[in-house]
Amino acid sequence: MAKIIQHQLFYPNPPQDVWDYLTNAELMAQWLMPNDFIPVLGHEFQFKTKAMPDIDFDGIIYCKILEIDPPQTLSYSWKFGPGDGTLTDSVVSWTLNEKDNGTELQLIHRGFAGSETMTIFTMMDEGWLKNIQKILKLLNTTTNGTTQA
């Protein structure tokens, strides 16, 4: 049975402000990873980070935008592996809903099947939560003009 990462977080900011952190390559690099993202349907891009050979990860995530409807929906493929051409194929989906003078963000990351992906699933589940919380801190820093601890 495939596992699904799912997180929801409320931001006291308008949807467009949160959307910018999901679709602007420079802003994405601040909370996720360096990338060459362009918010265009079908665009292929990569995230790059340090390699982790012990879990068969070469440090490159290959992505393609599957759906984009600003500022509400974004979905892209997320493929990763050891660098030998063998890739685990998954999909990341973001949904933004205006709520209570702010934005409710939902992240769903699907495609973790088989026992060989469980270590990465656990790491990514924790990582996604920490990363979307970073967006909140970055938005607060921008809004308040001060650096948050």
N, C-alpha and C. Protein backbone atom coordinates (compact mmCIF):
# COMPACT_ATOMS: atom_id res chain seq x y z
N MET A 1 0.84 -1.19 0.00
CA MET A 1 0.00 0.00 0.00
C MET A 1 0.88 1.25 0.00
N ALA A 2 0.61 2.16 -0.89
CA ALA A 2 1.40 3.39 -1.00
C ALA A 2 1.11 4.33 0.16
N LYS A 3 2.17 4.98 0.62
CA LYS A 3 2.05 5.97 1.69
C LYS A 3 1.92 7.36 1.06
N ILE A 4 1.26 8.26 1.79
CA ILE A 4 1.05 9.63 1.33
C ILE A 4 1.49 10.59 2.43
N ILE A 5 2.27 11.59 2.04
CA ILE A 5 2.63 12.67 2.95
C ILE A 5 1.53 13.73 2.81
N GLN A 6 1.01 14.18 3.93
CA GLN A 6 -0.03 15.20 3.88
C GLN A 6 0.15 16.15 5.06
N HIS A 7 0.25 17.44 4.76
CA HIS A 7 0.38 18.47 5.79
C HIS A 7 -0.51 19.65 5.42
N GLN A 8 -1.04 20.29 6.45
CA GLN A 8 -1.87 21.47 6.27
C GLN A 8 -1.39 22.52 7.27
N LEU A 9 -1.28 23.77 6.80
CA LEU A 9 -0.80 24.84 7.67
C LEU A 9 -1.53 26.13 7.31
N PHE A 10 -1.85 26.92 8.33
CA PHE A 10 -2.51 28.20 8.12
C PHE A 10 -1.48 29.32 8.18
N TYR A 11 -1.58 30.24 7.23
CA TYR A 11 -0.71 31.41 7.17
C TYR A 11 -1.60 32.66 7.30
N PRO A 12 -1.25 33.61 8.16
CA PRO A 12 -2.06 34.82 8.28
C PRO A 12 -1.71 35.83 7.17
N ASN A 13 -1.52 35.33 5.97
CA ASN A 13 -1.11 36.12 4.82
C ASN A 13 -2.05 35.81 3.66
N PRO A 14 -2.19 36.73 2.72
CA PRO A 14 -3.05 36.46 1.55
C PRO A 14 -2.47 35.33 0.68
N PRO A 15 -3.35 34.62 -0.04
CA PRO A 15 -2.89 33.51 -0.89
C PRO A 15 -1.76 33.90 -1.84
N GLN A 16 -1.80 35.08 -2.43
CA GLN A 16 -0.75 35.46 -3.38
C GLN A 16 0.62 35.48 -2.73
N ASP A 17 0.70 35.93 -1.47
CA ASP A 17 1.99 35.96 -0.78
C ASP A 17 2.55 34.55 -0.57
N VAL A 18 1.67 33.62 -0.18
CA VAL A 18 2.09 32.22 0.00
C VAL A 18 2.44 31.61 -1.36
N TRP A 19 1.62 31.89 -2.36
CA TRP A 19 1.84 31.38 -3.72
C TRP A 19 3.23 31.77 -4.23
N ASP A 20 3.63 33.00 -3.95
CA ASP A 20 4.95 33.46 -4.40
C ASP A 20 6.06 32.56 -3.87
N TYR A 21 5.93 32.08 -2.64
CA TYR A 21 6.95 31.20 -2.07
C TYR A 21 6.92 29.80 -2.68
N LEU A 22 5.83 29.45 -3.34
CA LEU A 22 5.73 28.15 -4.01
C LEU A 22 6.13 28.20 -5.48
N THR A 23 6.22 29.42 -6.05
CA THR A 23 6.42 29.52 -7.50
C THR A 23 7.53 30.45 -7.94
N ASN A 24 8.20 31.11 -7.04
CA ASN A 24 9.31 31.99 -7.38
C ASN A 24 10.60 31.25 -7.02
N ALA A 25 11.44 30.97 -8.00
CA ALA A 25 12.64 30.14 -7.78
C ALA A 25 13.52 30.68 -6.66
N GLU A 26 13.70 32.00 -6.60
CA GLU A 26 14.56 32.57 -5.54
C GLU A 26 13.94 32.38 -4.17
N LEU A 27 12.63 32.60 -4.06
CA LEU A 27 11.96 32.41 -2.77
C LEU A 27 11.93 30.93 -2.39
N MET A 28 11.73 30.05 -3.36
CA MET A 28 11.73 28.60 -3.10
C MET A 28 13.08 28.14 -2.55
N ALA A 29 14.15 28.72 -3.06
CA ALA A 29 15.49 28.35 -2.61
C ALA A 29 15.69 28.70 -1.14
N GLN A 30 14.96 29.70 -0.65
CA GLN A 30 15.10 30.11 0.75
C GLN A 30 14.51 29.09 1.73
N TRP A 31 13.48 28.35 1.31
CA TRP A 31 12.84 27.43 2.23
C TRP A 31 12.95 25.96 1.80
N LEU A 32 13.35 25.72 0.57
CA LEU A 32 13.42 24.34 0.09
C LEU A 32 14.81 24.00 -0.43
N MET A 33 15.07 24.26 -1.69
CA MET A 33 16.37 23.94 -2.30
C MET A 33 16.61 24.85 -3.49
N PRO A 34 17.87 25.01 -3.90
CA PRO A 34 18.16 25.70 -5.15
C PRO A 34 17.44 24.97 -6.30
N ASN A 35 16.98 25.75 -7.29
CA ASN A 35 16.16 25.17 -8.34
C ASN A 35 16.15 26.06 -9.57
N ASP A 36 15.58 25.55 -10.65
CA ASP A 36 15.39 26.34 -11.86
C ASP A 36 13.91 26.35 -12.27
N PHE A 37 13.07 26.52 -11.27
CA PHE A 37 11.62 26.52 -11.43
C PHE A 37 11.14 27.73 -12.22
N ILE A 38 10.23 27.51 -13.15
CA ILE A 38 9.50 28.57 -13.85
C ILE A 38 8.03 28.14 -13.83
N PRO A 39 7.12 29.00 -13.37
CA PRO A 39 5.72 28.60 -13.21
C PRO A 39 4.94 28.51 -14.53
N VAL A 40 5.31 27.52 -15.35
CA VAL A 40 4.68 27.31 -16.65
C VAL A 40 4.34 25.83 -16.79
N LEU A 41 3.11 25.55 -17.17
CA LEU A 41 2.66 24.17 -17.35
C LEU A 41 3.62 23.42 -18.28
N GLY A 42 4.07 22.24 -17.86
CA GLY A 42 4.97 21.42 -18.66
C GLY A 42 6.45 21.71 -18.45
N HIS A 43 6.77 22.80 -17.74
CA HIS A 43 8.19 23.14 -17.51
C HIS A 43 8.87 22.05 -16.70
N GLU A 44 10.03 21.61 -17.16
CA GLU A 44 10.84 20.64 -16.44
C GLU A 44 11.92 21.38 -15.68
N PHE A 45 12.10 21.03 -14.41
CA PHE A 45 13.06 21.72 -13.56
C PHE A 45 13.68 20.75 -12.57
N GLN A 46 14.68 21.22 -11.86
CA GLN A 46 15.38 20.38 -10.88
C GLN A 46 15.56 21.14 -9.57
N PHE A 47 15.49 20.37 -8.49
CA PHE A 47 15.95 20.83 -7.18
C PHE A 47 17.28 20.14 -6.95
N LYS A 48 18.22 20.84 -6.30
CA LYS A 48 19.53 20.24 -6.04
C LYS A 48 19.89 20.42 -4.57
N THR A 49 20.41 19.36 -4.00
CA THR A 49 20.85 19.36 -2.61
C THR A 49 22.00 18.38 -2.47
N LYS A 50 22.47 18.16 -1.26
CA LYS A 50 23.60 17.24 -1.07
C LYS A 50 23.15 15.80 -1.32
N ALA A 51 24.05 15.04 -1.88
CA ALA A 51 23.78 13.62 -2.13
C ALA A 51 23.78 12.87 -0.81
N MET A 52 22.96 11.81 -0.76
CA MET A 52 22.90 10.92 0.41
C MET A 52 22.99 9.48 -0.09
N PRO A 53 24.22 9.03 -0.40
CA PRO A 53 24.39 7.70 -0.97
C PRO A 53 23.85 6.57 -0.09
N ASP A 54 23.85 6.76 1.21
CA ASP A 54 23.38 5.70 2.11
C ASP A 54 21.89 5.40 1.94
N ILE A 55 21.13 6.34 1.35
CA ILE A 55 19.72 6.08 1.05
C ILE A 55 19.45 6.14 -0.46
N ASP A 56 20.50 5.92 -1.25
CA ASP A 56 20.38 5.89 -2.72
C ASP A 56 19.78 7.16 -3.30
N PHE A 57 20.33 8.31 -2.88
CA PHE A 57 19.86 9.60 -3.39
C PHE A 57 21.06 10.40 -3.86
N ASP A 58 21.04 10.81 -5.15
CA ASP A 58 22.19 11.51 -5.73
C ASP A 58 22.15 13.02 -5.54
N GLY A 59 21.08 13.55 -4.89
CA GLY A 59 21.00 14.98 -4.61
C GLY A 59 20.24 15.78 -5.66
N ILE A 60 19.71 15.12 -6.68
CA ILE A 60 18.96 15.83 -7.73
C ILE A 60 17.53 15.30 -7.77
N ILE A 61 16.58 16.23 -7.75
CA ILE A 61 15.17 15.87 -7.88
C ILE A 61 14.69 16.43 -9.22
N TYR A 62 14.18 15.54 -10.06
CA TYR A 62 13.72 15.90 -11.40
C TYR A 62 12.21 16.12 -11.35
N CYS A 63 11.77 17.28 -11.82
CA CYS A 63 10.36 17.64 -11.71
C CYS A 63 9.81 18.16 -13.04
N LYS A 64 8.49 18.09 -13.15
CA LYS A 64 7.78 18.66 -14.30
C LYS A 64 6.43 19.16 -13.79
N ILE A 65 6.08 20.39 -14.16
CA ILE A 65 4.81 20.96 -13.73
C ILE A 65 3.67 20.27 -14.46
N LEU A 66 2.76 19.68 -13.66
CA LEU A 66 1.63 18.93 -14.20
C LEU A 66 0.34 19.74 -14.20
N GLU A 67 0.22 20.67 -13.23
CA GLU A 67 -0.97 21.50 -13.12
C GLU A 67 -0.59 22.80 -12.44
N ILE A 68 -1.12 23.91 -12.93
CA ILE A 68 -0.87 25.20 -12.31
C ILE A 68 -2.09 26.09 -12.55
N ASP A 69 -2.65 26.59 -11.44
CA ASP A 69 -3.81 27.47 -11.48
C ASP A 69 -3.62 28.52 -10.38
N PRO A 70 -2.90 29.62 -10.72
CA PRO A 70 -2.55 30.63 -9.71
C PRO A 70 -3.78 31.33 -9.14
N PRO A 71 -3.78 31.68 -7.88
CA PRO A 71 -2.88 31.23 -6.83
C PRO A 71 -3.50 30.13 -5.97
N GLN A 72 -4.05 29.09 -6.62
CA GLN A 72 -4.75 28.06 -5.87
C GLN A 72 -4.16 26.67 -5.95
N THR A 73 -3.68 26.26 -7.10
CA THR A 73 -3.27 24.87 -7.28
C THR A 73 -1.96 24.78 -8.04
N LEU A 74 -1.08 23.93 -7.53
CA LEU A 74 0.19 23.64 -8.19
C LEU A 74 0.50 22.18 -7.96
N SER A 75 0.87 21.49 -9.02
CA SER A 75 1.23 20.08 -8.91
C SER A 75 2.41 19.80 -9.84
N TYR A 76 3.38 19.02 -9.33
CA TYR A 76 4.50 18.65 -10.17
C TYR A 76 5.02 17.26 -9.82
N SER A 77 5.59 16.61 -10.83
CA SER A 77 6.21 15.31 -10.60
C SER A 77 7.47 15.55 -9.77
N TRP A 78 7.89 14.51 -9.05
CA TRP A 78 9.04 14.59 -8.14
C TRP A 78 9.74 13.24 -8.26
N LYS A 79 10.82 13.21 -9.03
CA LYS A 79 11.53 11.95 -9.28
C LYS A 79 12.93 12.05 -8.70
N PHE A 80 13.34 11.00 -8.00
CA PHE A 80 14.65 11.01 -7.36
C PHE A 80 15.20 9.59 -7.31
N GLY A 81 16.51 9.49 -7.14
CA GLY A 81 17.13 8.17 -7.08
C GLY A 81 18.62 8.25 -6.90
N PRO A 82 19.30 7.12 -7.14
CA PRO A 82 20.73 7.03 -6.89
C PRO A 82 21.62 7.61 -7.99
N GLY A 83 21.04 8.07 -9.08
CA GLY A 83 21.84 8.65 -10.15
C GLY A 83 22.21 7.66 -11.24
N ASP A 84 21.65 6.46 -11.17
CA ASP A 84 21.95 5.45 -12.18
C ASP A 84 20.81 5.29 -13.19
N GLY A 85 19.87 6.23 -13.17
CA GLY A 85 18.73 6.15 -14.08
C GLY A 85 17.50 5.53 -13.44
N THR A 86 17.68 4.89 -12.28
CA THR A 86 16.55 4.32 -11.55
C THR A 86 15.95 5.41 -10.68
N LEU A 87 14.69 5.75 -10.94
CA LEU A 87 14.05 6.85 -10.21
C LEU A 87 12.77 6.42 -9.52
N THR A 88 12.56 6.95 -8.32
CA THR A 88 11.29 6.81 -7.64
C THR A 88 10.43 7.96 -8.13
N ASP A 89 9.25 7.64 -8.61
CA ASP A 89 8.36 8.63 -9.22
C ASP A 89 7.23 8.95 -8.24
N SER A 90 7.09 10.24 -7.90
CA SER A 90 6.03 10.68 -7.01
C SER A 90 5.50 12.01 -7.51
N VAL A 91 4.44 12.51 -6.85
CA VAL A 91 3.81 13.77 -7.25
C VAL A 91 3.57 14.63 -6.02
N VAL A 92 3.95 15.91 -6.13
CA VAL A 92 3.72 16.91 -5.08
C VAL A 92 2.58 17.81 -5.54
N SER A 93 1.58 17.98 -4.67
CA SER A 93 0.44 18.85 -4.99
C SER A 93 0.22 19.85 -3.87
N TRP A 94 0.02 21.09 -4.26
CA TRP A 94 -0.24 22.19 -3.33
C TRP A 94 -1.63 22.76 -3.62
N THR A 95 -2.39 23.03 -2.56
CA THR A 95 -3.68 23.69 -2.70
C THR A 95 -3.73 24.83 -1.69
N LEU A 96 -4.09 26.02 -2.16
CA LEU A 96 -4.21 27.19 -1.30
C LEU A 96 -5.67 27.62 -1.27
N ASN A 97 -6.19 27.84 -0.07
CA ASN A 97 -7.55 28.32 0.09
C ASN A 97 -7.56 29.55 0.98
N GLU A 98 -8.22 30.60 0.52
CA GLU A 98 -8.37 31.80 1.34
C GLU A 98 -9.30 31.46 2.50
N LYS A 99 -8.87 31.79 3.73
CA LYS A 99 -9.65 31.43 4.91
C LYS A 99 -9.28 32.35 6.06
N ASP A 100 -10.28 32.87 6.76
CA ASP A 100 -10.08 33.67 7.97
C ASP A 100 -9.01 34.76 7.79
N ASN A 101 -9.12 35.54 6.72
CA ASN A 101 -8.17 36.61 6.42
C ASN A 101 -6.74 36.11 6.25
N GLY A 102 -6.59 34.89 5.80
CA GLY A 102 -5.28 34.32 5.57
C GLY A 102 -5.38 33.22 4.53
N THR A 103 -4.45 32.27 4.60
CA THR A 103 -4.38 31.19 3.62
C THR A 103 -4.18 29.86 4.30
N GLU A 104 -4.99 28.90 3.93
CA GLU A 104 -4.79 27.53 4.37
C GLU A 104 -4.06 26.81 3.24
N LEU A 105 -2.89 26.27 3.55
CA LEU A 105 -2.08 25.57 2.56
C LEU A 105 -2.13 24.08 2.84
N GLN A 106 -2.41 23.31 1.80
CA GLN A 106 -2.38 21.86 1.92
C GLN A 106 -1.33 21.30 0.97
N LEU A 107 -0.49 20.43 1.51
CA LEU A 107 0.53 19.72 0.73
C LEU A 107 0.18 18.24 0.74
N ILE A 108 0.16 17.64 -0.44
CA ILE A 108 0.01 16.19 -0.56
C ILE A 108 1.13 15.71 -1.47
N HIS A 109 1.91 14.75 -0.96
CA HIS A 109 3.00 14.16 -1.74
C HIS A 109 2.72 12.66 -1.82
N ARG A 110 2.38 12.17 -3.02
CA ARG A 110 1.98 10.78 -3.25
C ARG A 110 3.05 10.01 -4.03
N GLY A 111 3.03 8.70 -3.85
CA GLY A 111 3.85 7.85 -4.70
C GLY A 111 4.91 7.06 -3.98
N PHE A 112 4.77 6.89 -2.69
CA PHE A 112 5.76 6.12 -1.91
C PHE A 112 5.23 4.71 -1.72
N ALA A 113 5.65 3.81 -2.61
CA ALA A 113 5.21 2.42 -2.53
C ALA A 113 6.41 1.52 -2.30
N GLY A 114 6.20 0.46 -1.57
CA GLY A 114 7.26 -0.51 -1.33
C GLY A 114 8.13 -0.14 -0.14
N SER A 115 8.69 -1.14 0.46
CA SER A 115 9.48 -0.95 1.67
C SER A 115 10.77 -0.18 1.42
N GLU A 116 11.28 -0.21 0.18
CA GLU A 116 12.53 0.49 -0.14
C GLU A 116 12.39 2.01 -0.07
N THR A 117 11.18 2.53 -0.10
CA THR A 117 10.99 3.98 -0.03
C THR A 117 10.64 4.47 1.38
N MET A 118 10.52 3.59 2.35
CA MET A 118 10.05 3.99 3.68
C MET A 118 11.02 4.92 4.42
N THR A 119 12.32 4.72 4.28
CA THR A 119 13.28 5.62 4.92
C THR A 119 13.16 7.01 4.34
N ILE A 120 13.09 7.10 3.02
CA ILE A 120 12.94 8.40 2.37
C ILE A 120 11.59 9.01 2.71
N PHE A 121 10.54 8.20 2.74
CA PHE A 121 9.21 8.69 3.11
C PHE A 121 9.25 9.37 4.48
N THR A 122 9.82 8.71 5.46
CA THR A 122 9.89 9.26 6.82
C THR A 122 10.69 10.56 6.85
N MET A 123 11.84 10.58 6.18
CA MET A 123 12.66 11.79 6.13
C MET A 123 11.91 12.93 5.44
N MET A 124 11.24 12.63 4.34
CA MET A 124 10.55 13.67 3.59
C MET A 124 9.31 14.16 4.33
N ASP A 125 8.62 13.28 5.03
CA ASP A 125 7.45 13.68 5.80
C ASP A 125 7.86 14.74 6.84
N GLU A 126 8.91 14.47 7.57
CA GLU A 126 9.42 15.42 8.57
C GLU A 126 9.97 16.67 7.88
N GLY A 127 10.68 16.48 6.78
CA GLY A 127 11.28 17.60 6.06
C GLY A 127 10.25 18.55 5.48
N TRP A 128 9.19 18.01 4.87
CA TRP A 128 8.15 18.87 4.32
C TRP A 128 7.52 19.74 5.40
N LEU A 129 7.23 19.15 6.56
CA LEU A 129 6.61 19.93 7.63
C LEU A 129 7.53 21.07 8.08
N LYS A 130 8.80 20.76 8.28
CA LYS A 130 9.76 21.81 8.67
C LYS A 130 9.85 22.89 7.59
N ASN A 131 9.86 22.48 6.33
CA ASN A 131 10.02 23.44 5.24
C ASN A 131 8.81 24.35 5.08
N ILE A 132 7.59 23.81 5.20
CA ILE A 132 6.44 24.71 5.04
C ILE A 132 6.32 25.63 6.26
N GLN A 133 6.86 25.22 7.39
CA GLN A 133 6.91 26.11 8.55
C GLN A 133 7.93 27.23 8.31
N LYS A 134 8.98 26.95 7.54
CA LYS A 134 9.96 27.99 7.17
C LYS A 134 9.29 29.09 6.35
N ILE A 135 8.34 28.72 5.49
CA ILE A 135 7.62 29.73 4.70
C ILE A 135 6.93 30.71 5.64
N LEU A 136 6.30 30.19 6.68
CA LEU A 136 5.62 31.04 7.65
C LEU A 136 6.60 32.02 8.30
N LYS A 137 7.76 31.53 8.68
CA LYS A 137 8.78 32.40 9.29
C LYS A 137 9.27 33.44 8.29
N LEU A 138 9.48 33.03 7.05
CA LEU A 138 9.93 33.98 6.02
C LEU A 138 8.87 35.04 5.75
N LEU A 139 7.62 34.65 5.68
CA LEU A 139 6.54 35.61 5.48
C LEU A 139 6.46 36.58 6.64
N ASN A 140 6.62 36.09 7.87
CA ASN A 140 6.60 36.96 9.05
C ASN A 140 7.78 37.92 9.03
N THR A 141 8.93 37.45 8.59
CA THR A 141 10.12 38.32 8.50
C THR A 141 9.86 39.43 7.50
N THR A 142 9.29 39.08 6.35
CA THR A 142 8.99 40.07 5.32
C THR A 142 7.94 41.07 5.78
N THR A 143 6.90 40.55 6.44
CA THR A 143 5.81 41.39 6.90
C THR A 143 6.25 42.34 8.01
N ASN A 144 7.01 41.82 8.97
CA ASN A 144 7.41 42.61 10.12
C ASN A 144 8.68 43.42 9.90
N GLY A 145 9.44 43.04 8.86
CA GLY A 145 10.68 43.74 8.59
C GLY A 145 11.78 43.40 9.58
N THR A 146 11.60 42.33 10.32
CA THR A 146 12.61 41.90 11.28
C THR A 146 12.92 40.44 11.06
N THR A 147 14.04 40.01 11.57
CA THR A 147 14.42 38.61 11.45
C THR A 147 13.85 37.85 12.62
N GLN A 148 13.22 36.73 12.31
CA GLN A 148 12.64 35.89 13.35
C GLN A 148 13.69 34.91 13.84
N ALA A 149 13.62 34.53 15.10
CA ALA A 149 14.57 33.58 15.70
C ALA A 149 14.28 32.18 15.22
